[in-house]
């Protein structure tokens, strides 16, 4: 696959704080140290969230992005930058993207407007 056929995809996600209540004492699943028991103090910092984000993309979103990029490439004769919006929902660290639409933009003095 040449660089002209590659689609670069960037997504900006706003994530709310993972903690909305008092701290929870859970063992860190990536730590080799055993969890604290009884009155002993653990020297391992625990976390209530894992370090990964799960993203589910609806097939319609993939088709919309691909069609938009392909259409602009055919019209302009060369690969073009495309910009669009993704619509979905976030619950904790799970993101589900269900729809998308293209955005028209112009480049003025190197800035996208």
PDB file of N, CA and C in Angstrom:
ATOM      1  N   UNK A   1       0.861  -1.180   0.000  1.00  0.00           N
ATOM      2  CA  UNK A   1       0.000   0.000   0.000  1.00  0.00           C
ATOM      3  C   UNK A   1       0.896   1.228   0.000  1.00  0.00           C
ATOM      4  N   UNK A   2       0.687   2.091  -0.966  1.00  0.00           N
ATOM      5  CA  UNK A   2       1.495   3.307  -1.037  1.00  0.00           C
ATOM      6  C   UNK A   2       0.939   4.362  -0.101  1.00  0.00           C
ATOM      7  N   UNK A   3       1.740   5.391   0.167  1.00  0.00           N
ATOM      8  CA  UNK A   3       1.285   6.456   1.066  1.00  0.00           C
ATOM      9  C   UNK A   3       0.118   7.217   0.468  1.00  0.00           C
ATOM     10  N   UNK A   4      -0.045   7.214  -0.859  1.00  0.00           N
ATOM     11  CA  UNK A   4      -1.174   7.899  -1.495  1.00  0.00           C
ATOM     12  C   UNK A   4      -2.481   7.153  -1.244  1.00  0.00           C
ATOM     13  N   UNK A   5      -2.402   5.842  -0.979  1.00  0.00           N
ATOM     14  CA  UNK A   5      -3.602   5.040  -0.739  1.00  0.00           C
ATOM     15  C   UNK A   5      -3.953   4.934   0.738  1.00  0.00           C
ATOM     16  N   UNK A   6      -3.129   5.487   1.588  1.00  0.00           N
ATOM     17  CA  UNK A   6      -3.357   5.372   3.026  1.00  0.00           C
ATOM     18  C   UNK A   6      -4.316   6.462   3.483  1.00  0.00           C
ATOM     19  N   UNK A   7      -5.218   6.111   4.387  1.00  0.00           N
ATOM     20  CA  UNK A   7      -6.125   7.088   4.977  1.00  0.00           C
ATOM     21  C   UNK A   7      -5.663   7.340   6.403  1.00  0.00           C
ATOM     22  N   UNK A   8      -5.248   8.571   6.688  1.00  0.00           N
ATOM     23  CA  UNK A   8      -4.888   8.939   8.054  1.00  0.00           C
ATOM     24  C   UNK A   8      -6.154   9.340   8.773  1.00  0.00           C
ATOM     25  N   UNK A   9      -6.337   8.841   9.976  1.00  0.00           N
ATOM     26  CA  UNK A   9      -7.559   9.086  10.720  1.00  0.00           C
ATOM     27  C   UNK A   9      -7.188   9.614  12.091  1.00  0.00           C
ATOM     28  N   UNK A  10      -7.696  10.792  12.422  1.00  0.00           N
ATOM     29  CA  UNK A  10      -7.472  11.372  13.739  1.00  0.00           C
ATOM     30  C   UNK A  10      -8.808  11.552  14.413  1.00  0.00           C
ATOM     31  N   UNK A  11      -8.858  11.303  15.708  1.00  0.00           N
ATOM     32  CA  UNK A  11     -10.094  11.487  16.448  1.00  0.00           C
ATOM     33  C   UNK A  11      -9.778  12.196  17.749  1.00  0.00           C
ATOM     34  N   UNK A  12     -10.504  13.245  18.021  1.00  0.00           N
ATOM     35  CA  UNK A  12     -10.347  13.993  19.254  1.00  0.00           C
ATOM     36  C   UNK A  12     -11.489  13.590  20.179  1.00  0.00           C
ATOM     37  N   UNK A  13     -11.169  13.145  21.375  1.00  0.00           N
ATOM     38  CA  UNK A  13     -12.182  12.667  22.305  1.00  0.00           C
ATOM     39  C   UNK A  13     -12.049  13.420  23.613  1.00  0.00           C
ATOM     40  N   UNK A  14     -13.162  13.937  24.092  1.00  0.00           N
ATOM     41  CA  UNK A  14     -13.176  14.558  25.408  1.00  0.00           C
ATOM     42  C   UNK A  14     -13.567  13.486  26.413  1.00  0.00           C
ATOM     43  N   UNK A  15     -12.739  13.290  27.423  1.00  0.00           N
ATOM     44  CA  UNK A  15     -12.993  12.269  28.423  1.00  0.00           C
ATOM     45  C   UNK A  15     -13.205  12.945  29.760  1.00  0.00           C
ATOM     46  N   UNK A  16     -14.349  12.636  30.365  1.00  0.00           N
ATOM     47  CA  UNK A  16     -14.613  13.172  31.691  1.00  0.00           C
ATOM     48  C   UNK A  16     -13.785  12.407  32.708  1.00  0.00           C
ATOM     49  N   UNK A  17     -13.665  12.954  33.883  1.00  0.00           N
ATOM     50  CA  UNK A  17     -12.911  12.302  34.941  1.00  0.00           C
ATOM     51  C   UNK A  17     -13.474  10.913  35.192  1.00  0.00           C
ATOM     52  N   UNK A  18     -12.596   9.938  35.354  1.00  0.00           N
ATOM     53  CA  UNK A  18     -13.035   8.566  35.562  1.00  0.00           C
ATOM     54  C   UNK A  18     -13.579   8.349  36.964  1.00  0.00           C
ATOM     55  N   UNK A  19     -13.327   9.248  37.867  1.00  0.00           N
ATOM     56  CA  UNK A  19     -13.754   9.068  39.250  1.00  0.00           C
ATOM     57  C   UNK A  19     -14.784  10.118  39.623  1.00  0.00           C
ATOM     58  N   UNK A  20     -15.959   9.646  40.053  1.00  0.00           N
ATOM     59  CA  UNK A  20     -16.986  10.588  40.480  1.00  0.00           C
ATOM     60  C   UNK A  20     -17.337  10.391  41.950  1.00  0.00           C
ATOM     61  N   UNK A  21     -16.659   9.508  42.611  1.00  0.00           N
ATOM     62  CA  UNK A  21     -16.965   9.245  44.011  1.00  0.00           C
ATOM     63  C   UNK A  21     -15.694   9.053  44.802  1.00  0.00           C
ATOM     64  N   UNK A  22     -15.828   8.448  45.978  1.00  0.00           N
ATOM     65  CA  UNK A  22     -14.641   8.223  46.805  1.00  0.00           C
ATOM     66  C   UNK A  22     -13.713   7.204  46.153  1.00  0.00           C
ATOM     67  N   UNK A  23     -12.430   7.233  46.504  1.00  0.00           N
ATOM     68  CA  UNK A  23     -11.487   6.284  45.924  1.00  0.00           C
ATOM     69  C   UNK A  23     -11.868   4.846  46.259  1.00  0.00           C
ATOM     70  N   UNK A  24     -11.614   3.954  45.310  1.00  0.00           N
ATOM     71  CA  UNK A  24     -11.913   2.540  45.485  1.00  0.00           C
ATOM     72  C   UNK A  24     -10.588   1.808  45.597  1.00  0.00           C
ATOM     73  N   UNK A  25     -10.470   0.910  46.562  1.00  0.00           N
ATOM     74  CA  UNK A  25      -9.240   0.158  46.766  1.00  0.00           C
ATOM     75  C   UNK A  25      -9.333  -1.155  45.997  1.00  0.00           C
ATOM     76  N   UNK A  26      -8.891  -1.138  44.722  1.00  0.00           N
ATOM     77  CA  UNK A  26      -8.884  -2.327  43.887  1.00  0.00           C
ATOM     78  C   UNK A  26      -7.449  -2.692  43.564  1.00  0.00           C
ATOM     79  N   UNK A  27      -7.169  -3.992  43.400  1.00  0.00           N
ATOM     80  CA  UNK A  27      -5.807  -4.366  43.019  1.00  0.00           C
ATOM     81  C   UNK A  27      -5.532  -3.953  41.581  1.00  0.00           C
ATOM     82  N   UNK A  28      -4.292  -3.590  41.305  1.00  0.00           N
ATOM     83  CA  UNK A  28      -3.881  -3.229  39.953  1.00  0.00           C
ATOM     84  C   UNK A  28      -3.618  -4.524  39.193  1.00  0.00           C
ATOM     85  N   UNK A  29      -4.391  -4.813  38.122  1.00  0.00           N
ATOM     86  CA  UNK A  29      -4.221  -6.086  37.433  1.00  0.00           C
ATOM     87  C   UNK A  29      -2.876  -6.226  36.729  1.00  0.00           C
ATOM     88  N   UNK A  30      -2.159  -5.146  36.493  1.00  0.00           N
ATOM     89  CA  UNK A  30      -0.859  -5.243  35.831  1.00  0.00           C
ATOM     90  C   UNK A  30       0.286  -5.345  36.824  1.00  0.00           C
ATOM     91  N   UNK A  31      -0.014  -5.254  38.103  1.00  0.00           N
ATOM     92  CA  UNK A  31       1.026  -5.289  39.120  1.00  0.00           C
ATOM     93  C   UNK A  31       1.282  -6.724  39.572  1.00  0.00           C
ATOM     94  N   UNK A  32       2.550  -7.133  39.700  1.00  0.00           N
ATOM     95  CA  UNK A  32       2.845  -8.473  40.193  1.00  0.00           C
ATOM     96  C   UNK A  32       2.650  -8.589  41.704  1.00  0.00           C
ATOM     97  N   UNK A  33       2.511  -7.472  42.400  1.00  0.00           N
ATOM     98  CA  UNK A  33       2.356  -7.501  43.852  1.00  0.00           C
ATOM     99  C   UNK A  33       0.941  -7.937  44.220  1.00  0.00           C
ATOM    100  N   UNK A  34       0.785  -8.729  45.282  1.00  0.00           N
ATOM    101  CA  UNK A  34      -0.553  -9.136  45.710  1.00  0.00           C
ATOM    102  C   UNK A  34      -1.291  -7.955  46.330  1.00  0.00           C
ATOM    103  N   UNK A  35      -2.641  -7.977  46.282  1.00  0.00           N
ATOM    104  CA  UNK A  35      -3.403  -6.891  46.895  1.00  0.00           C
ATOM    105  C   UNK A  35      -3.240  -6.889  48.408  1.00  0.00           C
ATOM    106  N   UNK A  36      -3.423  -5.725  49.008  1.00  0.00           N
ATOM    107  CA  UNK A  36      -3.311  -5.598  50.458  1.00  0.00           C
ATOM    108  C   UNK A  36      -4.457  -6.343  51.126  1.00  0.00           C
ATOM    109  N   UNK A  37      -4.147  -7.015  52.244  1.00  0.00           N
ATOM    110  CA  UNK A  37      -5.187  -7.724  52.993  1.00  0.00           C
ATOM    111  C   UNK A  37      -5.108  -7.302  54.445  1.00  0.00           C
ATOM    112  N   UNK A  38      -6.250  -7.323  55.099  1.00  0.00           N
ATOM    113  CA  UNK A  38      -6.292  -6.990  56.517  1.00  0.00           C
ATOM    114  C   UNK A  38      -5.848  -5.570  56.778  1.00  0.00           C
ATOM    115  N   UNK A  39      -4.972  -5.390  57.800  1.00  0.00           N
ATOM    116  CA  UNK A  39      -4.511  -4.067  58.194  1.00  0.00           C
ATOM    117  C   UNK A  39      -3.192  -3.677  57.535  1.00  0.00           C
ATOM    118  N   UNK A  40      -2.665  -4.516  56.646  1.00  0.00           N
ATOM    119  CA  UNK A  40      -1.394  -4.170  56.016  1.00  0.00           C
ATOM    120  C   UNK A  40      -1.608  -3.090  54.972  1.00  0.00           C
ATOM    121  N   UNK A  41      -0.597  -2.268  54.780  1.00  0.00           N
ATOM    122  CA  UNK A  41      -0.663  -1.184  53.803  1.00  0.00           C
ATOM    123  C   UNK A  41       0.027  -1.632  52.516  1.00  0.00           C
ATOM    124  N   UNK A  42      -0.601  -1.337  51.382  1.00  0.00           N
ATOM    125  CA  UNK A  42      -0.018  -1.668  50.093  1.00  0.00           C
ATOM    126  C   UNK A  42       0.854  -0.506  49.628  1.00  0.00           C
ATOM    127  N   UNK A  43       2.003  -0.817  49.059  1.00  0.00           N
ATOM    128  CA  UNK A  43       2.865   0.221  48.514  1.00  0.00           C
ATOM    129  C   UNK A  43       2.616   0.397  47.014  1.00  0.00           C
ATOM    130  N   UNK A  44       1.678  -0.372  46.472  1.00  0.00           N
ATOM    131  CA  UNK A  44       1.343  -0.300  45.055  1.00  0.00           C
ATOM    132  C   UNK A  44       0.173   0.655  44.885  1.00  0.00           C
ATOM    133  N   UNK A  45       0.310   1.607  43.955  1.00  0.00           N
ATOM    134  CA  UNK A  45      -0.786   2.523  43.665  1.00  0.00           C
ATOM    135  C   UNK A  45      -1.826   1.756  42.868  1.00  0.00           C
ATOM    136  N   UNK A  46      -3.066   1.810  43.304  1.00  0.00           N
ATOM    137  CA  UNK A  46      -4.124   1.090  42.610  1.00  0.00           C
ATOM    138  C   UNK A  46      -4.916   2.037  41.725  1.00  0.00           C
ATOM    139  N   UNK A  47      -5.549   1.466  40.743  1.00  0.00           N
ATOM    140  CA  UNK A  47      -6.361   2.264  39.835  1.00  0.00           C
ATOM    141  C   UNK A  47      -7.691   1.572  39.590  1.00  0.00           C
ATOM    142  N   UNK A  48      -8.742   2.360  39.394  1.00  0.00           N
ATOM    143  CA  UNK A  48     -10.068   1.797  39.159  1.00  0.00           C
ATOM    144  C   UNK A  48     -10.363   1.674  37.669  1.00  0.00           C
ATOM    145  N   UNK A  49      -9.478   2.159  36.812  1.00  0.00           N
ATOM    146  CA  UNK A  49      -9.698   2.076  35.370  1.00  0.00           C
ATOM    147  C   UNK A  49      -8.485   1.463  34.703  1.00  0.00           C
ATOM    148  N   UNK A  50      -8.725   0.789  33.612  1.00  0.00           N
ATOM    149  CA  UNK A  50      -7.606   0.232  32.865  1.00  0.00           C
ATOM    150  C   UNK A  50      -7.048   1.303  31.943  1.00  0.00           C
ATOM    151  N   UNK A  51      -5.915   1.057  31.351  1.00  0.00           N
ATOM    152  CA  UNK A  51      -5.264   2.044  30.512  1.00  0.00           C
ATOM    153  C   UNK A  51      -5.723   2.036  29.067  1.00  0.00           C
ATOM    154  N   UNK A  52      -6.723   1.236  28.737  1.00  0.00           N
ATOM    155  CA  UNK A  52      -7.127   1.166  27.340  1.00  0.00           C
ATOM    156  C   UNK A  52      -8.531   1.713  27.130  1.00  0.00           C
ATOM    157  N   UNK A  53      -8.795   2.108  25.899  1.00  0.00           N
ATOM    158  CA  UNK A  53     -10.101   2.609  25.495  1.00  0.00           C
ATOM    159  C   UNK A  53     -10.648   1.644  24.454  1.00  0.00           C
ATOM    160  N   UNK A  54     -11.917   1.289  24.562  1.00  0.00           N
ATOM    161  CA  UNK A  54     -12.562   0.434  23.581  1.00  0.00           C
ATOM    162  C   UNK A  54     -13.381   1.302  22.638  1.00  0.00           C
ATOM    163  N   UNK A  55     -13.114   1.188  21.342  1.00  0.00           N
ATOM    164  CA  UNK A  55     -13.839   1.966  20.339  1.00  0.00           C
ATOM    165  C   UNK A  55     -14.556   1.004  19.407  1.00  0.00           C
ATOM    166  N   UNK A  56     -15.877   1.193  19.256  1.00  0.00           N
ATOM    167  CA  UNK A  56     -16.672   0.405  18.319  1.00  0.00           C
ATOM    168  C   UNK A  56     -17.111   1.312  17.177  1.00  0.00           C
ATOM    169  N   UNK A  57     -16.780   0.931  15.951  1.00  0.00           N
ATOM    170  CA  UNK A  57     -17.148   1.712  14.771  1.00  0.00           C
ATOM    171  C   UNK A  57     -18.256   0.993  14.016  1.00  0.00           C
ATOM    172  N   UNK A  58     -19.371   1.686  13.775  1.00  0.00           N
ATOM    173  CA  UNK A  58     -20.446   1.138  12.959  1.00  0.00           C
ATOM    174  C   UNK A  58     -19.948   1.092  11.515  1.00  0.00           C
ATOM    175  N   UNK A  59     -20.308   0.066  10.747  1.00  0.00           N
ATOM    176  CA  UNK A  59     -19.854  -0.012   9.351  1.00  0.00           C
ATOM    177  C   UNK A  59     -20.225   1.218   8.512  1.00  0.00           C
ATOM    178  N   UNK A  60     -21.349   1.871   8.821  1.00  0.00           N
ATOM    179  CA  UNK A  60     -21.754   3.069   8.086  1.00  0.00           C
ATOM    180  C   UNK A  60     -20.691   4.162   8.190  1.00  0.00           C
ATOM    181  N   UNK A  61     -20.070   4.296   9.357  1.00  0.00           N
ATOM    182  CA  UNK A  61     -19.034   5.315   9.558  1.00  0.00           C
ATOM    183  C   UNK A  61     -17.835   5.030   8.658  1.00  0.00           C
ATOM    184  N   UNK A  62     -17.416   3.797   8.605  1.00  0.00           N
ATOM    185  CA  UNK A  62     -16.281   3.421   7.761  1.00  0.00           C
ATOM    186  C   UNK A  62     -16.605   3.708   6.295  1.00  0.00           C
ATOM    187  N   UNK A  63     -17.816   3.371   5.870  1.00  0.00           N
ATOM    188  CA  UNK A  63     -18.227   3.623   4.483  1.00  0.00           C
ATOM    189  C   UNK A  63     -18.299   5.124   4.191  1.00  0.00           C
ATOM    190  N   UNK A  64     -18.838   5.920   5.121  1.00  0.00           N
ATOM    191  CA  UNK A  64     -18.936   7.373   4.917  1.00  0.00           C
ATOM    192  C   UNK A  64     -17.559   8.004   4.738  1.00  0.00           C
ATOM    193  N   UNK A  65     -16.619   7.656   5.615  1.00  0.00           N
ATOM    194  CA  UNK A  65     -15.268   8.229   5.552  1.00  0.00           C
ATOM    195  C   UNK A  65     -14.581   7.800   4.257  1.00  0.00           C
ATOM    196  N   UNK A  66     -14.681   6.517   3.929  1.00  0.00           N
ATOM    197  CA  UNK A  66     -14.054   5.999   2.719  1.00  0.00           C
ATOM    198  C   UNK A  66     -14.646   6.641   1.463  1.00  0.00           C
ATOM    199  N   UNK A  67     -15.964   6.771   1.409  1.00  0.00           N
ATOM    200  CA  UNK A  67     -16.633   7.359   0.246  1.00  0.00           C
ATOM    201  C   UNK A  67     -16.257   8.824   0.075  1.00  0.00           C
ATOM    202  N   UNK A  68     -16.215   9.557   1.179  1.00  0.00           N
ATOM    203  CA  UNK A  68     -15.858  10.978   1.131  1.00  0.00           C
ATOM    204  C   UNK A  68     -14.442  11.150   0.592  1.00  0.00           C
ATOM    205  N   UNK A  69     -13.499  10.389   1.124  1.00  0.00           N
ATOM    206  CA  UNK A  69     -12.105  10.487   0.694  1.00  0.00           C
ATOM    207  C   UNK A  69     -11.957  10.080  -0.769  1.00  0.00           C
ATOM    208  N   UNK A  70     -12.616   8.974  -1.163  1.00  0.00           N
ATOM    209  CA  UNK A  70     -12.533   8.485  -2.540  1.00  0.00           C
ATOM    210  C   UNK A  70     -13.151   9.480  -3.518  1.00  0.00           C
ATOM    211  N   UNK A  71     -14.294  10.057  -3.167  1.00  0.00           N
ATOM    212  CA  UNK A  71     -14.963  11.028  -4.034  1.00  0.00           C
ATOM    213  C   UNK A  71     -14.083  12.257  -4.255  1.00  0.00           C
ATOM    214  N   UNK A  72     -13.507  12.796  -3.175  1.00  0.00           N
ATOM    215  CA  UNK A  72     -12.637  13.967  -3.323  1.00  0.00           C
ATOM    216  C   UNK A  72     -11.383  13.642  -4.127  1.00  0.00           C
ATOM    217  N   UNK A  73     -10.842  12.456  -3.933  1.00  0.00           N
ATOM    218  CA  UNK A  73      -9.647  12.052  -4.694  1.00  0.00           C
ATOM    219  C   UNK A  73      -9.981  11.966  -6.180  1.00  0.00           C
ATOM    220  N   UNK A  74     -11.157  11.422  -6.517  1.00  0.00           N
ATOM    221  CA  UNK A  74     -11.564  11.307  -7.919  1.00  0.00           C
ATOM    222  C   UNK A  74     -11.817  12.689  -8.527  1.00  0.00           C
ATOM    223  N   UNK A  75     -12.412  13.588  -7.756  1.00  0.00           N
ATOM    224  CA  UNK A  75     -12.721  14.924  -8.268  1.00  0.00           C
ATOM    225  C   UNK A  75     -11.463  15.765  -8.455  1.00  0.00           C
ATOM    226  N   UNK A  76     -10.532  15.668  -7.518  1.00  0.00           N
ATOM    227  CA  UNK A  76      -9.333  16.510  -7.546  1.00  0.00           C
ATOM    228  C   UNK A  76      -8.171  15.864  -8.293  1.00  0.00           C
ATOM    229  N   UNK A  77      -8.211  14.548  -8.497  1.00  0.00           N
ATOM    230  CA  UNK A  77      -7.140  13.858  -9.204  1.00  0.00           C
ATOM    231  C   UNK A  77      -5.963  13.464  -8.336  1.00  0.00           C
ATOM    232  N   UNK A  78      -5.997  13.789  -7.056  1.00  0.00           N
ATOM    233  CA  UNK A  78      -4.928  13.405  -6.132  1.00  0.00           C
ATOM    234  C   UNK A  78      -5.523  13.298  -4.729  1.00  0.00           C
ATOM    235  N   UNK A  79      -4.825  12.590  -3.824  1.00  0.00           N
ATOM    236  CA  UNK A  79      -5.347  12.468  -2.453  1.00  0.00           C
ATOM    237  C   UNK A  79      -5.518  13.836  -1.801  1.00  0.00           C
ATOM    238  N   UNK A  80      -6.599  14.017  -1.116  1.00  0.00           N
ATOM    239  CA  UNK A  80      -6.923  15.274  -0.457  1.00  0.00           C
ATOM    240  C   UNK A  80      -7.156  15.034   1.032  1.00  0.00           C
ATOM    241  N   UNK A  81      -6.981  16.074   1.825  1.00  0.00           N
ATOM    242  CA  UNK A  81      -7.339  16.014   3.238  1.00  0.00           C
ATOM    243  C   UNK A  81      -8.850  16.132   3.345  1.00  0.00           C
ATOM    244  N   UNK A  82      -9.451  15.263   4.136  1.00  0.00           N
ATOM    245  CA  UNK A  82     -10.893  15.353   4.368  1.00  0.00           C
ATOM    246  C   UNK A  82     -11.125  15.576   5.852  1.00  0.00           C
ATOM    247  N   UNK A  83     -12.174  16.307   6.162  1.00  0.00           N
ATOM    248  CA  UNK A  83     -12.530  16.581   7.549  1.00  0.00           C
ATOM    249  C   UNK A  83     -13.999  16.248   7.723  1.00  0.00           C
ATOM    250  N   UNK A  84     -14.333  15.658   8.848  1.00  0.00           N
ATOM    251  CA  UNK A  84     -15.717  15.307   9.120  1.00  0.00           C
ATOM    252  C   UNK A  84     -15.965  15.241  10.609  1.00  0.00           C
ATOM    253  N   UNK A  85     -17.194  14.933  10.947  1.00  0.00           N
ATOM    254  CA  UNK A  85     -17.590  14.811  12.351  1.00  0.00           C
ATOM    255  C   UNK A  85     -18.070  13.388  12.612  1.00  0.00           C
ATOM    256  N   UNK A  86     -17.738  12.888  13.778  1.00  0.00           N
ATOM    257  CA  UNK A  86     -18.195  11.569  14.203  1.00  0.00           C
ATOM    258  C   UNK A  86     -19.262  11.748  15.267  1.00  0.00           C
ATOM    259  N   UNK A  87     -20.317  10.955  15.171  1.00  0.00           N
ATOM    260  CA  UNK A  87     -21.407  11.026  16.139  1.00  0.00           C
ATOM    261  C   UNK A  87     -21.493   9.684  16.850  1.00  0.00           C
ATOM    262  N   UNK A  88     -21.513   9.739  18.169  1.00  0.00           N
ATOM    263  CA  UNK A  88     -21.596   8.505  18.931  1.00  0.00           C
ATOM    264  C   UNK A  88     -21.816   8.795  20.392  1.00  0.00           C
ATOM    265  N   UNK A  89     -21.490   7.811  21.213  1.00  0.00           N
ATOM    266  CA  UNK A  89     -21.656   7.987  22.650  1.00  0.00           C
ATOM    267  C   UNK A  89     -20.476   7.364  23.380  1.00  0.00           C
ATOM    268  N   UNK A  90     -20.269   7.873  24.566  1.00  0.00           N
ATOM    269  CA  UNK A  90     -19.182   7.389  25.408  1.00  0.00           C
ATOM    270  C   UNK A  90     -19.746   7.024  26.764  1.00  0.00           C
ATOM    271  N   UNK A  91     -19.390   5.847  27.234  1.00  0.00           N
ATOM    272  CA  UNK A  91     -19.750   5.427  28.585  1.00  0.00           C
ATOM    273  C   UNK A  91     -18.460   4.918  29.216  1.00  0.00           C
ATOM    274  N   UNK A  92     -17.931   5.735  30.123  1.00  0.00           N
ATOM    275  CA  UNK A  92     -16.643   5.386  30.727  1.00  0.00           C
ATOM    276  C   UNK A  92     -15.558   5.412  29.667  1.00  0.00           C
ATOM    277  N   UNK A  93     -14.851   4.299  29.507  1.00  0.00           N
ATOM    278  CA  UNK A  93     -13.771   4.222  28.522  1.00  0.00           C
ATOM    279  C   UNK A  93     -14.202   3.451  27.280  1.00  0.00           C
ATOM    280  N   UNK A  94     -15.515   3.280  27.101  1.00  0.00           N
ATOM    281  CA  UNK A  94     -16.062   2.641  25.907  1.00  0.00           C
ATOM    282  C   UNK A  94     -16.674   3.705  25.010  1.00  0.00           C
ATOM    283  N   UNK A  95     -16.247   3.744  23.757  1.00  0.00           N
ATOM    284  CA  UNK A  95     -16.740   4.720  22.794  1.00  0.00           C
ATOM    285  C   UNK A  95     -17.395   3.956  21.652  1.00  0.00           C
ATOM    286  N   UNK A  96     -18.623   4.363  21.310  1.00  0.00           N
ATOM    287  CA  UNK A  96     -19.334   3.765  20.186  1.00  0.00           C
ATOM    288  C   UNK A  96     -19.636   4.866  19.179  1.00  0.00           C
ATOM    289  N   UNK A  97     -19.078   4.737  17.968  1.00  0.00           N
ATOM    290  CA  UNK A  97     -19.292   5.724  16.909  1.00  0.00           C
ATOM    291  C   UNK A  97     -20.323   5.141  15.954  1.00  0.00           C
ATOM    292  N   UNK A  98     -21.491   5.836  15.846  1.00  0.00           N
ATOM    293  CA  UNK A  98     -22.616   5.284  15.098  1.00  0.00           C
ATOM    294  C   UNK A  98     -22.898   5.985  13.780  1.00  0.00           C
ATOM    295  N   UNK A  99     -22.443   7.221  13.606  1.00  0.00           N
ATOM    296  CA  UNK A  99     -22.716   7.951  12.372  1.00  0.00           C
ATOM    297  C   UNK A  99     -21.616   8.984  12.148  1.00  0.00           C
ATOM    298  N   UNK A 100     -21.597   9.552  10.969  1.00  0.00           N
ATOM    299  CA  UNK A 100     -20.605  10.575  10.640  1.00  0.00           C
ATOM    300  C   UNK A 100     -21.127  11.415   9.489  1.00  0.00           C
ATOM    301  N   UNK A 101     -20.522  12.588   9.327  1.00  0.00           N
ATOM    302  CA  UNK A 101     -20.833  13.411   8.162  1.00  0.00           C
ATOM    303  C   UNK A 101     -19.613  14.244   7.810  1.00  0.00           C
ATOM    304  N   UNK A 102     -19.547  14.617   6.538  1.00  0.00           N
ATOM    305  CA  UNK A 102     -18.398  15.386   6.055  1.00  0.00           C
ATOM    306  C   UNK A 102     -18.577  16.859   6.354  1.00  0.00           C
ATOM    307  N   UNK A 103     -17.456  17.558   6.474  1.00  0.00           N
ATOM    308  CA  UNK A 103     -17.467  19.003   6.698  1.00  0.00           C
ATOM    309  C   UNK A 103     -16.707  19.681   5.565  1.00  0.00           C
ATOM    310  N   UNK A 104     -17.276  20.759   5.066  1.00  0.00           N
ATOM    311  CA  UNK A 104     -16.620  21.551   4.028  1.00  0.00           C
ATOM    312  C   UNK A 104     -15.674  22.530   4.724  1.00  0.00           C
ATOM    313  N   UNK A 105     -14.461  22.671   4.192  1.00  0.00           N
ATOM    314  CA  UNK A 105     -13.492  23.570   4.810  1.00  0.00           C
ATOM    315  C   UNK A 105     -12.635  24.229   3.742  1.00  0.00           C
ATOM    316  N   UNK A 106     -11.972  25.285   4.125  1.00  0.00           N
ATOM    317  CA  UNK A 106     -11.015  25.981   3.261  1.00  0.00           C
ATOM    318  C   UNK A 106      -9.723  26.169   4.044  1.00  0.00           C
ATOM    319  N   UNK A 107      -8.615  26.263   3.322  1.00  0.00           N
ATOM    320  CA  UNK A 107      -7.325  26.551   3.947  1.00  0.00           C
ATOM    321  C   UNK A 107      -6.957  27.980   3.567  1.00  0.00           C
ATOM    322  N   UNK A 108      -6.858  28.837   4.588  1.00  0.00           N
ATOM    323  CA  UNK A 108      -6.509  30.241   4.377  1.00  0.00           C
ATOM    324  C   UNK A 108      -5.263  30.546   5.202  1.00  0.00           C
ATOM    325  N   UNK A 109      -4.200  30.956   4.522  1.00  0.00           N
ATOM    326  CA  UNK A 109      -2.918  31.253   5.179  1.00  0.00           C
ATOM    327  C   UNK A 109      -2.442  30.099   6.054  1.00  0.00           C
ATOM    328  N   UNK A 110      -2.647  28.863   5.595  1.00  0.00           N
ATOM    329  CA  UNK A 110      -2.199  27.690   6.332  1.00  0.00           C
ATOM    330  C   UNK A 110      -3.121  27.250   7.450  1.00  0.00           C
ATOM    331  N   UNK A 111      -4.210  27.983   7.693  1.00  0.00           N
ATOM    332  CA  UNK A 111      -5.167  27.623   8.742  1.00  0.00           C
ATOM    333  C   UNK A 111      -6.420  27.028   8.113  1.00  0.00           C
ATOM    334  N   UNK A 112      -6.979  26.026   8.762  1.00  0.00           N
ATOM    335  CA  UNK A 112      -8.217  25.407   8.288  1.00  0.00           C
ATOM    336  C   UNK A 112      -9.395  26.176   8.859  1.00  0.00           C
ATOM    337  N   UNK A 113     -10.280  26.636   7.945  1.00  0.00           N
ATOM    338  CA  UNK A 113     -11.485  27.374   8.360  1.00  0.00           C
ATOM    339  C   UNK A 113     -12.715  26.715   7.801  1.00  0.00           C
TER     340      UNK A 113
END
